[in-house]
Amino acid sequence: MIESNISIEDFKNSAGTELGPSDWLLIDQERINRFADATNDHQFIHVNPEKAAATPFGSTIAHGFLSLSILPHLLEQIMPIPDGIVMGINYGTDKVRFSLPVHVNSRVRARAKIEKVNAKSGGQFMVKTRVTLEIENRRRPAVIADILSLYVVEAP
């Protein structure tokens, strides 16, 4: 793991660096319900514990996009911060796979690998990070995603 604050030069050369793990985060029914309310996705498999218990999952599961949406929070714990950063911007994803559902009351955490750091004009850096969302006591991850971030640093 690398330190949370690093020089711009070290940041430019951080491709290949493995990060994490982050802290564990509990995915409880309240979080799932709040996500369902925020997205208007109230499919029973997410919000109805009694009906979901009768499915092959045996319980409610988190929305795939809920699992994806918590990655910035978990990455914040493990991603290096370049000196002089003004802001980081979520730029999108190149690839996302939902490998395994996250059952209610599971704990998840992130590991990551910085794949690329490309210097752009105006003190900007495009960073591609491969993020894996692990589920406690499961061999397969819930999510594997290539996350794109744009970092803006102050002019020297």
Protein backbone atom coordinates (compact mmCIF):
# COMPACT_ATOMS: atom_id res chain seq x y z
CA MET A 1 0.00 0.00 0.00
CA ILE A 2 1.22 3.51 -0.70
CA GLU A 3 0.88 6.55 1.52
CA SER A 4 -2.27 8.62 1.27
CA ASN A 5 -0.45 11.82 0.26
CA ILE A 6 2.20 11.45 -2.42
CA SER A 7 4.18 13.78 -4.63
CA ILE A 8 3.00 14.50 -8.15
CA GLU A 9 6.03 12.63 -9.51
CA ASP A 10 5.22 9.53 -7.44
CA PHE A 11 1.58 9.83 -8.48
CA LYS A 12 2.54 9.98 -12.18
CA ASN A 13 4.50 6.75 -11.68
CA SER A 14 1.95 4.90 -9.55
CA ALA A 15 0.59 2.60 -12.29
CA GLY A 16 0.84 -0.98 -11.11
CA THR A 17 0.41 -0.07 -7.45
CA GLU A 18 -1.94 -2.30 -5.46
CA LEU A 19 -4.15 -0.60 -2.89
CA GLY A 20 -6.20 -1.77 0.05
CA PRO A 21 -8.05 -3.31 1.47
CA SER A 22 -10.47 -0.63 2.61
CA ASP A 23 -12.46 -0.96 5.81
CA TRP A 24 -15.42 -3.33 5.80
CA LEU A 25 -18.83 -1.77 5.09
CA LEU A 26 -22.10 -3.40 6.19
CA ILE A 27 -24.80 -3.62 3.54
CA ASP A 28 -27.93 -3.76 5.67
CA GLN A 29 -31.59 -3.61 4.68
CA GLU A 30 -31.86 0.07 5.58
CA ARG A 31 -29.08 0.95 3.08
CA ILE A 32 -30.73 -1.21 0.41
CA ASN A 33 -34.12 0.41 1.05
CA ARG A 34 -32.65 3.93 0.87
CA PHE A 35 -31.00 3.06 -2.46
CA ALA A 36 -34.32 1.67 -3.74
CA ASP A 37 -36.02 4.94 -2.76
CA ALA A 38 -33.29 7.04 -4.38
CA THR A 39 -33.49 5.13 -7.68
CA ASN A 40 -37.17 4.12 -7.69
CA ASP A 41 -36.06 0.50 -8.06
CA HIS A 42 -38.27 -1.37 -5.60
CA GLN A 43 -38.01 -4.84 -7.11
CA PHE A 44 -39.01 -7.34 -4.42
CA ILE A 45 -35.63 -9.11 -4.43
CA HIS A 46 -34.19 -5.95 -2.89
CA VAL A 47 -36.93 -4.68 -0.57
CA ASN A 48 -39.23 -7.54 0.43
CA PRO A 49 -37.44 -9.92 2.83
CA GLU A 50 -40.35 -12.39 3.05
CA LYS A 51 -40.79 -12.76 -0.70
CA ALA A 52 -37.01 -12.74 -1.33
CA ALA A 53 -36.57 -15.58 1.19
CA ALA A 54 -38.50 -17.86 -1.19
CA THR A 55 -36.05 -17.23 -4.07
CA PRO A 56 -32.80 -19.09 -4.75
CA PHE A 57 -30.99 -16.16 -3.06
CA GLY A 58 -32.75 -16.91 0.26
CA SER A 59 -32.79 -13.23 1.28
CA THR A 60 -32.83 -9.76 -0.15
CA ILE A 61 -29.79 -8.68 -2.13
CA ALA A 62 -28.28 -5.29 -2.81
CA HIS A 63 -28.86 -3.67 -6.17
CA GLY A 64 -25.86 -4.14 -8.44
CA PHE A 65 -25.69 -0.40 -8.88
CA LEU A 66 -25.70 0.06 -5.09
CA SER A 67 -22.59 -2.10 -4.97
CA LEU A 68 -21.06 0.02 -7.72
CA SER A 69 -22.10 3.29 -6.07
CA ILE A 70 -20.20 2.61 -2.84
CA LEU A 71 -16.88 2.20 -4.65
CA PRO A 72 -15.98 5.93 -4.47
CA HIS A 73 -16.45 5.88 -0.69
CA LEU A 74 -14.26 2.80 -0.30
CA LEU A 75 -11.66 4.05 -2.78
CA GLU A 76 -11.37 7.28 -0.81
CA GLN A 77 -9.92 5.20 2.03
CA ILE A 78 -7.15 3.62 -0.04
CA MET A 79 -6.41 5.83 -3.05
CA PRO A 80 -3.29 7.99 -2.86
CA ILE A 81 -3.88 11.73 -2.88
CA PRO A 82 -1.40 13.72 -4.98
CA ASP A 83 0.07 16.82 -3.36
CA GLY A 84 -1.67 19.98 -4.52
CA ILE A 85 -4.91 18.30 -5.54
CA VAL A 86 -7.73 20.73 -6.16
CA MET A 87 -10.38 18.13 -6.94
CA GLY A 88 -11.04 14.63 -8.14
CA ILE A 89 -13.85 14.00 -10.59
CA ASN A 90 -15.64 10.74 -11.27
CA TYR A 91 -15.12 10.35 -15.02
CA GLY A 92 -16.92 7.05 -15.60
CA THR A 93 -16.09 3.40 -16.10
CA ASP A 94 -14.53 1.37 -18.87
CA LYS A 95 -15.91 -1.98 -17.72
CA VAL A 96 -18.11 -3.24 -14.89
CA ARG A 97 -18.99 -6.81 -14.02
CA PHE A 98 -21.38 -7.91 -11.27
CA SER A 99 -19.88 -11.28 -10.41
CA LEU A 100 -21.84 -12.20 -7.28
CA PRO A 101 -24.86 -10.70 -5.50
CA VAL A 102 -24.37 -9.00 -2.14
CA HIS A 103 -26.82 -10.51 0.35
CA VAL A 104 -28.36 -8.33 3.02
CA ASN A 105 -26.18 -7.96 6.13
CA SER A 106 -23.01 -8.86 4.22
CA ARG A 107 -19.86 -6.85 4.69
CA VAL A 108 -17.92 -5.65 1.67
CA ARG A 109 -14.56 -3.96 1.13
CA ALA A 110 -12.49 -2.76 -1.81
CA ARG A 111 -9.08 -3.57 -3.18
CA ALA A 112 -7.70 -1.74 -6.17
CA LYS A 113 -4.84 -1.54 -8.60
CA ILE A 114 -3.88 1.65 -10.38
CA GLU A 115 -3.78 0.60 -14.03
CA LYS A 116 -2.86 3.88 -15.77
CA VAL A 117 -2.02 7.48 -14.93
CA ASN A 118 -2.03 9.77 -17.95
CA ALA A 119 -0.96 13.40 -17.62
CA LYS A 120 -3.27 15.81 -19.44
CA SER A 121 -2.91 19.53 -20.01
CA GLY A 122 -3.65 22.06 -17.29
CA GLY A 123 -2.46 19.96 -14.35
CA GLN A 124 -4.96 17.18 -14.99
CA PHE A 125 -4.40 13.44 -14.69
CA MET A 126 -6.67 10.71 -16.02
CA VAL A 127 -6.43 7.65 -13.76
CA LYS A 128 -7.77 4.20 -14.52
CA THR A 129 -8.18 2.00 -11.46
CA ARG A 130 -9.27 -1.65 -11.40
CA VAL A 131 -11.45 -2.03 -8.31
CA THR A 132 -12.61 -5.30 -6.79
CA LEU A 133 -15.46 -5.31 -4.27
CA GLU A 134 -14.94 -8.28 -1.97
CA ILE A 135 -17.65 -9.92 0.12
CA GLU A 136 -16.57 -11.18 3.52
CA ASN A 137 -16.19 -15.00 3.58
CA ARG A 138 -16.79 -15.35 -0.18
CA ARG A 139 -14.18 -16.40 -2.70
CA ARG A 140 -15.62 -14.51 -5.67
CA PRO A 141 -15.98 -10.74 -5.63
CA ALA A 142 -19.28 -8.90 -5.99
CA VAL A 143 -17.99 -6.34 -8.49
CA ILE A 144 -14.96 -5.85 -10.69
CA ALA A 145 -14.85 -2.40 -12.26
CA ASP A 146 -12.40 -0.26 -14.20
CA ILE A 147 -13.04 3.20 -12.74
CA LEU A 148 -11.91 6.39 -14.45
CA SER A 149 -11.07 9.48 -12.39
CA LEU A 150 -9.85 12.90 -13.39
CA TYR A 151 -7.54 14.58 -10.87
CA VAL A 152 -6.88 18.29 -11.08
CA VAL A 153 -3.82 19.65 -9.26
CA GLU A 154 -2.92 23.26 -8.67
CA ALA A 155 -0.39 24.83 -11.00
CA PRO A 156 3.17 24.80 -9.65
